[in-house]
Amino acid sequence: QPVVNLNGERVGMIEDIIRSTEDNQYYGMIDL
């Protein structure tokens, strides 16, 4: 899925959704 900033400019796309096992936080991996 495309990722845009608040100005509507495309910055990349979601490559994967992961959970860090270090801090238990969820991240969207963005292909630039």
Full PDB file with SEQRES, HELIX, SHEET, SSBOND, CRYST1, ORIGX, SCALE, CONECT and MASTER records, all heavy atoms in Angstrom:
SEQRES   1 A   32  GLN PRO VAL VAL ASN LEU ASN GLY GLU ARG VAL GLY MET          
SEQRES   2 A   32  ILE GLU ASP ILE ILE ARG SER THR GLU ASP ASN GLN TYR          
SEQRES   3 A   32  TYR GLY MET ILE ASP LEU                                      
SHEET    1 AA1 3 PRO A   2  VAL A   4  0                                        
SHEET    2 AA1 3 ARG A  10  ARG A  19 -1                                        
SHEET    3 AA1 3 TYR A  26  ASP A  31 -1                                        
CRYST1    1.000    1.000    1.000  90.00  90.00  90.00 P 1           1          
ORIGX1      1.000000  0.000000  0.000000        0.00000                         
ORIGX2      0.000000  1.000000  0.000000        0.00000                         
ORIGX3      0.000000  0.000000  1.000000        0.00000                         
SCALE1      1.000000  0.000000  0.000000        0.00000                         
SCALE2      0.000000  1.000000  0.000000        0.00000                         
SCALE3      0.000000  0.000000  1.000000        0.00000                         
ATOM      1  N   GLN A   1       0.854  -1.192   0.000  1.00  0.00           N  
ATOM      2  CA  GLN A   1       0.000   0.000   0.000  1.00  0.00           C  
ATOM      3  C   GLN A   1       0.886   1.235   0.000  1.00  0.00           C  
ATOM      4  O   GLN A   1       1.899   1.274   0.690  1.00  0.00           O  
ATOM      5  CB  GLN A   1      -0.906   0.013   1.233  1.00  0.00           C  
ATOM      6  CG  GLN A   1      -1.942  -1.089   1.250  1.00  0.00           C  
ATOM      7  CD  GLN A   1      -2.912  -0.967   0.086  1.00  0.00           C  
ATOM      8  OE1 GLN A   1      -3.312   0.120  -0.295  1.00  0.00           O  
ATOM      9  NE2 GLN A   1      -3.275  -2.105  -0.484  1.00  0.00           N  
ATOM     10  N   PRO A   2       0.525   2.270  -0.751  1.00  0.00           N  
ATOM     11  CA  PRO A   2       1.329   3.488  -0.770  1.00  0.00           C  
ATOM     12  C   PRO A   2       1.293   4.200   0.580  1.00  0.00           C  
ATOM     13  O   PRO A   2       0.295   4.152   1.296  1.00  0.00           O  
ATOM     14  CB  PRO A   2       0.685   4.345  -1.859  1.00  0.00           C  
ATOM     15  CG  PRO A   2      -0.613   3.708  -2.185  1.00  0.00           C  
ATOM     16  CD  PRO A   2      -0.618   2.326  -1.641  1.00  0.00           C  
ATOM     17  N   VAL A   3       2.404   4.845   0.912  1.00  0.00           N  
ATOM     18  CA  VAL A   3       2.518   5.642   2.132  1.00  0.00           C  
ATOM     19  C   VAL A   3       2.795   7.078   1.707  1.00  0.00           C  
ATOM     20  O   VAL A   3       3.697   7.327   0.909  1.00  0.00           O  
ATOM     21  CB  VAL A   3       3.651   5.134   3.043  1.00  0.00           C  
ATOM     22  CG1 VAL A   3       3.784   5.984   4.293  1.00  0.00           C  
ATOM     23  CG2 VAL A   3       3.421   3.673   3.419  1.00  0.00           C  
ATOM     24  N   VAL A   4       1.997   8.005   2.238  1.00  0.00           N  
ATOM     25  CA  VAL A   4       2.173   9.419   1.916  1.00  0.00           C  
ATOM     26  C   VAL A   4       2.380  10.202   3.208  1.00  0.00           C  
ATOM     27  O   VAL A   4       2.009   9.747   4.285  1.00  0.00           O  
ATOM     28  CB  VAL A   4       0.964   9.990   1.140  1.00  0.00           C  
ATOM     29  CG1 VAL A   4       0.795   9.294  -0.205  1.00  0.00           C  
ATOM     30  CG2 VAL A   4      -0.309   9.911   1.955  1.00  0.00           C  
ATOM     31  N   ASN A   5       2.977  11.403   3.082  1.00  0.00           N  
ATOM     32  CA  ASN A   5       3.099  12.267   4.248  1.00  0.00           C  
ATOM     33  C   ASN A   5       1.864  13.171   4.314  1.00  0.00           C  
ATOM     34  O   ASN A   5       0.954  13.060   3.473  1.00  0.00           O  
ATOM     35  CB  ASN A   5       4.417  13.064   4.224  1.00  0.00           C  
ATOM     36  CG  ASN A   5       4.546  13.974   3.031  1.00  0.00           C  
ATOM     37  OD1 ASN A   5       3.566  14.357   2.399  1.00  0.00           O  
ATOM     38  ND2 ASN A   5       5.779  14.332   2.700  1.00  0.00           N  
ATOM     39  N   LEU A   6       1.807  14.054   5.291  1.00  0.00           N  
ATOM     40  CA  LEU A   6       0.628  14.903   5.462  1.00  0.00           C  
ATOM     41  C   LEU A   6       0.436  15.899   4.323  1.00  0.00           C  
ATOM     42  O   LEU A   6      -0.640  16.464   4.166  1.00  0.00           O  
ATOM     43  CB  LEU A   6       0.695  15.638   6.801  1.00  0.00           C  
ATOM     44  CG  LEU A   6       0.525  14.727   8.022  1.00  0.00           C  
ATOM     45  CD1 LEU A   6       0.736  15.512   9.303  1.00  0.00           C  
ATOM     46  CD2 LEU A   6      -0.837  14.054   8.027  1.00  0.00           C  
ATOM     47  N   ASN A   7       1.477  16.097   3.508  1.00  0.00           N  
ATOM     48  CA  ASN A   7       1.356  16.959   2.326  1.00  0.00           C  
ATOM     49  C   ASN A   7       0.843  16.187   1.117  1.00  0.00           C  
ATOM     50  O   ASN A   7       0.724  16.747   0.027  1.00  0.00           O  
ATOM     51  CB  ASN A   7       2.706  17.599   1.982  1.00  0.00           C  
ATOM     52  CG  ASN A   7       3.166  18.554   3.048  1.00  0.00           C  
ATOM     53  OD1 ASN A   7       2.355  19.209   3.704  1.00  0.00           O  
ATOM     54  ND2 ASN A   7       4.466  18.644   3.239  1.00  0.00           N  
ATOM     55  N   GLY A   8       0.598  14.887   1.286  1.00  0.00           N  
ATOM     56  CA  GLY A   8       0.129  14.056   0.186  1.00  0.00           C  
ATOM     57  C   GLY A   8       1.231  13.562  -0.722  1.00  0.00           C  
ATOM     58  O   GLY A   8       0.963  12.949  -1.745  1.00  0.00           O  
ATOM     59  N   GLU A   9       2.489  13.783  -0.341  1.00  0.00           N  
ATOM     60  CA  GLU A   9       3.628  13.343  -1.150  1.00  0.00           C  
ATOM     61  C   GLU A   9       3.941  11.881  -0.830  1.00  0.00           C  
ATOM     62  O   GLU A   9       4.058  11.504   0.328  1.00  0.00           O  
ATOM     63  CB  GLU A   9       4.850  14.203  -0.844  1.00  0.00           C  
ATOM     64  CG  GLU A   9       4.633  15.670  -1.114  1.00  0.00           C  
ATOM     65  CD  GLU A   9       5.660  16.564  -0.444  1.00  0.00           C  
ATOM     66  OE1 GLU A   9       6.222  16.177   0.610  1.00  0.00           O  
ATOM     67  OE2 GLU A   9       5.887  17.657  -0.966  1.00  0.00           O  
ATOM     68  N   ARG A  10       4.085  11.098  -1.863  1.00  0.00           N  
ATOM     69  CA  ARG A  10       4.396   9.680  -1.667  1.00  0.00           C  
ATOM     70  C   ARG A  10       5.818   9.533  -1.146  1.00  0.00           C  
ATOM     71  O   ARG A  10       6.756  10.098  -1.709  1.00  0.00           O  
ATOM     72  CB  ARG A  10       4.231   8.929  -2.976  1.00  0.00           C  
ATOM     73  CG  ARG A  10       4.403   7.431  -2.820  1.00  0.00           C  
ATOM     74  CD  ARG A  10       4.076   6.726  -4.100  1.00  0.00           C  
ATOM     75  NE  ARG A  10       4.429   5.323  -4.012  1.00  0.00           N  
ATOM     76  CZ  ARG A  10       3.623   4.340  -4.369  1.00  0.00           C  
ATOM     77  NH1 ARG A  10       2.437   4.604  -4.841  1.00  0.00           N  
ATOM     78  NH2 ARG A  10       4.012   3.094  -4.268  1.00  0.00           N  
ATOM     79  N   VAL A  11       5.979   8.745  -0.066  1.00  0.00           N  
ATOM     80  CA  VAL A  11       7.309   8.516   0.496  1.00  0.00           C  
ATOM     81  C   VAL A  11       7.757   7.067   0.313  1.00  0.00           C  
ATOM     82  O   VAL A  11       8.914   6.752   0.517  1.00  0.00           O  
ATOM     83  CB  VAL A  11       7.377   8.898   1.994  1.00  0.00           C  
ATOM     84  CG1 VAL A  11       7.160  10.385   2.178  1.00  0.00           C  
ATOM     85  CG2 VAL A  11       6.400   8.093   2.825  1.00  0.00           C  
ATOM     86  N   GLY A  12       6.848   6.195  -0.067  1.00  0.00           N  
ATOM     87  CA  GLY A  12       7.193   4.792  -0.257  1.00  0.00           C  
ATOM     88  C   GLY A  12       5.959   3.921  -0.205  1.00  0.00           C  
ATOM     89  O   GLY A  12       4.843   4.381  -0.447  1.00  0.00           O  
ATOM     90  N   MET A  13       6.195   2.651   0.121  1.00  0.00           N  
ATOM     91  CA  MET A  13       5.073   1.721   0.274  1.00  0.00           C  
ATOM     92  C   MET A  13       5.384   0.738   1.396  1.00  0.00           C  
ATOM     93  O   MET A  13       6.547   0.479   1.713  1.00  0.00           O  
ATOM     94  CB  MET A  13       4.777   0.989  -1.024  1.00  0.00           C  
ATOM     95  CG  MET A  13       5.807  -0.017  -1.427  1.00  0.00           C  
ATOM     96  SD  MET A  13       5.284  -0.862  -2.922  1.00  0.00           S  
ATOM     97  CE  MET A  13       6.699  -1.890  -3.201  1.00  0.00           C  
ATOM     98  N   ILE A  14       4.336   0.200   1.987  1.00  0.00           N  
ATOM     99  CA  ILE A  14       4.490  -0.774   3.065  1.00  0.00           C  
ATOM    100  C   ILE A  14       5.035  -2.076   2.482  1.00  0.00           C  
ATOM    101  O   ILE A  14       4.491  -2.612   1.520  1.00  0.00           O  
ATOM    102  CB  ILE A  14       3.146  -1.053   3.770  1.00  0.00           C  
ATOM    103  CG1 ILE A  14       2.663   0.179   4.525  1.00  0.00           C  
ATOM    104  CG2 ILE A  14       3.251  -2.257   4.710  1.00  0.00           C  
ATOM    105  CD1 ILE A  14       3.424   0.499   5.790  1.00  0.00           C  
ATOM    106  N   GLU A  15       6.136  -2.520   3.042  1.00  0.00           N  
ATOM    107  CA  GLU A  15       6.724  -3.790   2.618  1.00  0.00           C  
ATOM    108  C   GLU A  15       6.251  -4.923   3.525  1.00  0.00           C  
ATOM    109  O   GLU A  15       6.035  -6.033   3.072  1.00  0.00           O  
ATOM    110  CB  GLU A  15       8.244  -3.679   2.655  1.00  0.00           C  
ATOM    111  CG  GLU A  15       8.948  -4.885   2.107  1.00  0.00           C  
ATOM    112  CD  GLU A  15      10.437  -4.653   2.035  1.00  0.00           C  
ATOM    113  OE1 GLU A  15      10.886  -3.975   1.105  1.00  0.00           O  
ATOM    114  OE2 GLU A  15      11.138  -5.165   2.935  1.00  0.00           O  
ATOM    115  N   ASP A  16       6.092  -4.624   4.822  1.00  0.00           N  
ATOM    116  CA  ASP A  16       5.707  -5.651   5.782  1.00  0.00           C  
ATOM    117  C   ASP A  16       5.307  -4.988   7.098  1.00  0.00           C  
ATOM    118  O   ASP A  16       5.682  -3.848   7.358  1.00  0.00           O  
ATOM    119  CB  ASP A  16       6.892  -6.593   6.039  1.00  0.00           C  
ATOM    120  CG  ASP A  16       6.459  -8.012   6.355  1.00  0.00           C  
ATOM    121  OD1 ASP A  16       5.249  -8.242   6.577  1.00  0.00           O  
ATOM    122  OD2 ASP A  16       7.317  -8.901   6.386  1.00  0.00           O  
ATOM    123  N   ILE A  17       4.559  -5.701   7.911  1.00  0.00           N  
ATOM    124  CA  ILE A  17       4.235  -5.269   9.271  1.00  0.00           C  
ATOM    125  C   ILE A  17       4.934  -6.249  10.208  1.00  0.00           C  
ATOM    126  O   ILE A  17       4.784  -7.467  10.068  1.00  0.00           O  
ATOM    127  CB  ILE A  17       2.713  -5.292   9.549  1.00  0.00           C  
ATOM    128  CG1 ILE A  17       1.953  -4.443   8.528  1.00  0.00           C  
ATOM    129  CG2 ILE A  17       2.424  -4.854  10.980  1.00  0.00           C  
ATOM    130  CD1 ILE A  17       2.238  -2.973   8.596  1.00  0.00           C  
ATOM    131  N   ILE A  18       5.718  -5.710  11.144  1.00  0.00           N  
ATOM    132  CA  ILE A  18       6.475  -6.567  12.060  1.00  0.00           C  
ATOM    133  C   ILE A  18       6.278  -6.110  13.503  1.00  0.00           C  
ATOM    134  O   ILE A  18       5.799  -5.007  13.751  1.00  0.00           O  
ATOM    135  CB  ILE A  18       7.977  -6.570  11.714  1.00  0.00           C  
ATOM    136  CG1 ILE A  18       8.578  -5.173  11.915  1.00  0.00           C  
ATOM    137  CG2 ILE A  18       8.226  -7.087  10.314  1.00  0.00           C  
ATOM    138  CD1 ILE A  18      10.090  -5.152  11.878  1.00  0.00           C  
ATOM    139  N   ARG A  19       6.682  -6.986  14.427  1.00  0.00           N  
ATOM    140  CA  ARG A  19       6.716  -6.644  15.847  1.00  0.00           C  
ATOM    141  C   ARG A  19       8.131  -6.871  16.328  1.00  0.00           C  
ATOM    142  O   ARG A  19       8.694  -7.954  16.159  1.00  0.00           O  
ATOM    143  CB  ARG A  19       5.761  -7.508  16.671  1.00  0.00           C  
ATOM    144  CG  ARG A  19       5.709  -7.108  18.149  1.00  0.00           C  
ATOM    145  CD  ARG A  19       4.807  -8.020  18.954  1.00  0.00           C  
ATOM    146  NE  ARG A  19       5.331  -9.391  19.016  1.00  0.00           N  
ATOM    147  CZ  ARG A  19       6.314  -9.792  19.836  1.00  0.00           C  
ATOM    148  NH1 ARG A  19       6.895  -8.940  20.640  1.00  0.00           N  
ATOM    149  NH2 ARG A  19       6.697 -11.037  19.831  1.00  0.00           N  
ATOM    150  N   SER A  20       8.720  -5.833  16.919  1.00  0.00           N  
ATOM    151  CA  SER A  20      10.069  -5.960  17.460  1.00  0.00           C  
ATOM    152  C   SER A  20      10.005  -6.830  18.709  1.00  0.00           C  
ATOM    153  O   SER A  20       9.176  -6.603  19.589  1.00  0.00           O  
ATOM    154  CB  SER A  20      10.623  -4.581  17.820  1.00  0.00           C  
ATOM    155  OG  SER A  20      11.791  -4.717  18.594  1.00  0.00           O  
ATOM    156  N   THR A  21      10.895  -7.809  18.793  1.00  0.00           N  
ATOM    157  CA  THR A  21      10.937  -8.651  19.989  1.00  0.00           C  
ATOM    158  C   THR A  21      11.756  -7.986  21.090  1.00  0.00           C  
ATOM    159  O   THR A  21      11.768  -8.460  22.216  1.00  0.00           O  
ATOM    160  CB  THR A  21      11.521 -10.046  19.670  1.00  0.00           C  
ATOM    161  OG1 THR A  21      12.808  -9.885  19.078  1.00  0.00           O  
ATOM    162  CG2 THR A  21      10.601 -10.803  18.727  1.00  0.00           C  
ATOM    163  N   GLU A  22      12.415  -6.858  20.757  1.00  0.00           N  
ATOM    164  CA  GLU A  22      13.190  -6.128  21.759  1.00  0.00           C  
ATOM    165  C   GLU A  22      12.314  -5.210  22.597  1.00  0.00           C  
ATOM    166  O   GLU A  22      12.424  -5.166  23.811  1.00  0.00           O  
ATOM    167  CB  GLU A  22      14.301  -5.323  21.083  1.00  0.00           C  
ATOM    168  CG  GLU A  22      15.329  -6.187  20.403  1.00  0.00           C  
ATOM    169  CD  GLU A  22      16.295  -5.385  19.554  1.00  0.00           C  
ATOM    170  OE1 GLU A  22      16.303  -4.139  19.649  1.00  0.00           O  
ATOM    171  OE2 GLU A  22      17.044  -6.006  18.795  1.00  0.00           O  
ATOM    172  N   ASP A  23      11.427  -4.438  21.922  1.00  0.00           N  
ATOM    173  CA  ASP A  23      10.593  -3.489  22.658  1.00  0.00           C  
ATOM    174  C   ASP A  23       9.097  -3.776  22.522  1.00  0.00           C  
ATOM    175  O   ASP A  23       8.271  -3.023  23.013  1.00  0.00           O  
ATOM    176  CB  ASP A  23      10.891  -2.049  22.240  1.00  0.00           C  
ATOM    177  CG  ASP A  23      10.576  -1.777  20.777  1.00  0.00           C  
ATOM    178  OD1 ASP A  23      10.003  -2.653  20.099  1.00  0.00           O  
ATOM    179  OD2 ASP A  23      10.901  -0.668  20.308  1.00  0.00           O  
ATOM    180  N   ASN A  24       8.729  -4.868  21.842  1.00  0.00           N  
ATOM    181  CA  ASN A  24       7.347  -5.306  21.674  1.00  0.00           C  
ATOM    182  C   ASN A  24       6.499  -4.268  20.934  1.00  0.00           C  
ATOM    183  O   ASN A  24       5.291  -4.235  21.066  1.00  0.00           O  
ATOM    184  CB  ASN A  24       6.709  -5.661  23.017  1.00  0.00           C  
ATOM    185  CG  ASN A  24       5.579  -6.645  22.846  1.00  0.00           C  
ATOM    186  OD1 ASN A  24       5.597  -7.483  21.954  1.00  0.00           O  
ATOM    187  ND2 ASN A  24       4.578  -6.534  23.696  1.00  0.00           N  
ATOM    188  N   GLN A  25       7.127  -3.409  20.145  1.00  0.00           N  
ATOM    189  CA  GLN A  25       6.422  -2.374  19.394  1.00  0.00           C  
ATOM    190  C   GLN A  25       6.203  -2.846  17.962  1.00  0.00           C  
ATOM    191  O   GLN A  25       7.011  -3.579  17.400  1.00  0.00           O  
ATOM    192  CB  GLN A  25       7.225  -1.073  19.406  1.00  0.00           C  
ATOM    193  CG  GLN A  25       6.469   0.078  18.803  1.00  0.00           C  
ATOM    194  CD  GLN A  25       7.118   1.412  19.123  1.00  0.00           C  
ATOM    195  OE1 GLN A  25       8.003   1.508  19.948  1.00  0.00           O  
ATOM    196  NE2 GLN A  25       6.674   2.447  18.457  1.00  0.00           N  
ATOM    197  N   TYR A  26       5.092  -2.413  17.377  1.00  0.00           N  
ATOM    198  CA  TYR A  26       4.765  -2.763  16.002  1.00  0.00           C  
ATOM    199  C   TYR A  26       5.310  -1.703  15.056  1.00  0.00           C  
ATOM    200  O   TYR A  26       5.242  -0.509  15.341  1.00  0.00           O  
ATOM    201  CB  TYR A  26       3.250  -2.889  15.826  1.00  0.00           C  
ATOM    202  CG  TYR A  26       2.689  -4.085  16.537  1.00  0.00           C  
ATOM    203  CD1 TYR A  26       2.352  -4.024  17.881  1.00  0.00           C  
ATOM    204  CD2 TYR A  26       2.510  -5.286  15.868  1.00  0.00           C  
ATOM    205  CE1 TYR A  26       1.846  -5.132  18.539  1.00  0.00           C  
ATOM    206  CE2 TYR A  26       2.006  -6.403  16.516  1.00  0.00           C  
ATOM    207  CZ  TYR A  26       1.677  -6.317  17.855  1.00  0.00           C  
ATOM    208  OH  TYR A  26       1.192  -7.411  18.497  1.00  0.00           O  
ATOM    209  N   TYR A  27       5.832  -2.155  13.900  1.00  0.00           N  
ATOM    210  CA  TYR A  27       6.424  -1.258  12.920  1.00  0.00           C  
ATOM    211  C   TYR A  27       5.884  -1.571  11.528  1.00  0.00           C  
ATOM    212  O   TYR A  27       5.675  -2.733  11.176  1.00  0.00           O  
ATOM    213  CB  TYR A  27       7.949  -1.431  12.869  1.00  0.00           C  
ATOM    214  CG  TYR A  27       8.666  -0.956  14.100  1.00  0.00           C  
ATOM    215  CD1 TYR A  27       8.843  -1.793  15.195  1.00  0.00           C  
ATOM    216  CD2 TYR A  27       9.166   0.344  14.171  1.00  0.00           C  
ATOM    217  CE1 TYR A  27       9.500  -1.346  16.334  1.00  0.00           C  
ATOM    218  CE2 TYR A  27       9.826   0.792  15.301  1.00  0.00           C  
ATOM    219  CZ  TYR A  27       9.990  -0.059  16.381  1.00  0.00           C  
ATOM    220  OH  TYR A  27      10.635   0.387  17.497  1.00  0.00           O  
ATOM    221  N   GLY A  28       5.688  -0.530  10.749  1.00  0.00           N  
ATOM    222  CA  GLY A  28       5.434  -0.681   9.331  1.00  0.00           C  
ATOM    223  C   GLY A  28       6.768  -0.534   8.624  1.00  0.00           C  
ATOM    224  O   GLY A  28       7.426   0.496   8.775  1.00  0.00           O  
ATOM    225  N   MET A  29       7.192  -1.556   7.919  1.00  0.00           N  
ATOM    226  CA  MET A  29       8.441  -1.488   7.175  1.00  0.00           C  
ATOM    227  C   MET A  29       8.136  -0.815   5.841  1.00  0.00           C  
ATOM    228  O   MET A  29       7.356  -1.319   5.037  1.00  0.00           O  
ATOM    229  CB  MET A  29       9.031  -2.879   6.961  1.00  0.00           C  
ATOM    230  CG  MET A  29       9.363  -3.604   8.255  1.00  0.00           C  
ATOM    231  SD  MET A  29      10.495  -2.692   9.321  1.00  0.00           S  
ATOM    232  CE  MET A  29      11.980  -2.725   8.333  1.00  0.00           C  
ATOM    233  N   ILE A  30       8.729   0.368   5.643  1.00  0.00           N  
ATOM    234  CA  ILE A  30       8.437   1.182   4.469  1.00  0.00           C  
ATOM    235  C   ILE A  30       9.582   1.098   3.475  1.00  0.00           C  
ATOM    236  O   ILE A  30      10.722   1.405   3.806  1.00  0.00           O  
ATOM    237  CB  ILE A  30       8.172   2.639   4.878  1.00  0.00           C  
ATOM    238  CG1 ILE A  30       6.962   2.693   5.809  1.00  0.00           C  
ATOM    239  CG2 ILE A  30       7.963   3.515   3.641  1.00  0.00           C  
ATOM    240  CD1 ILE A  30       6.654   4.071   6.338  1.00  0.00           C  
ATOM    241  N   ASP A  31       9.247   0.640   2.271  1.00  0.00           N  
ATOM    242  CA  ASP A  31      10.201   0.615   1.165  1.00  0.00           C  
ATOM    243  C   ASP A  31      10.241   2.032   0.608  1.00  0.00           C  
ATOM    244  O   ASP A  31       9.229   2.566   0.153  1.00  0.00           O  
ATOM    245  CB  ASP A  31       9.725  -0.368   0.105  1.00  0.00           C  
ATOM    246  CG  ASP A  31      10.635  -0.447  -1.108  1.00  0.00           C  
ATOM    247  OD1 ASP A  31      11.533   0.413  -1.254  1.00  0.00           O  
ATOM    248  OD2 ASP A  31      10.435  -1.357  -1.920  1.00  0.00           O  
ATOM    249  N   LEU A  32      11.410   2.663   0.647  1.00  0.00           N  
ATOM    250  CA  LEU A  32      11.557   4.047   0.212  1.00  0.00           C  
ATOM    251  C   LEU A  32      11.676   4.186  -1.297  1.00  0.00           C  
ATOM    252  O   LEU A  32      11.929   5.265  -1.806  1.00  0.00           O  
ATOM    253  CB  LEU A  32      12.765   4.687   0.903  1.00  0.00           C  
ATOM    254  CG  LEU A  32      12.686   4.693   2.429  1.00  0.00           C  
ATOM    255  CD1 LEU A  32      13.960   5.262   3.017  1.00  0.00           C  
ATOM    256  CD2 LEU A  32      11.479   5.468   2.906  1.00  0.00           C  
TER     257      LEU A  32                                                      
MASTER        0    0    0    0    3    0    0    6  256    1    0    3          
END                                                                             
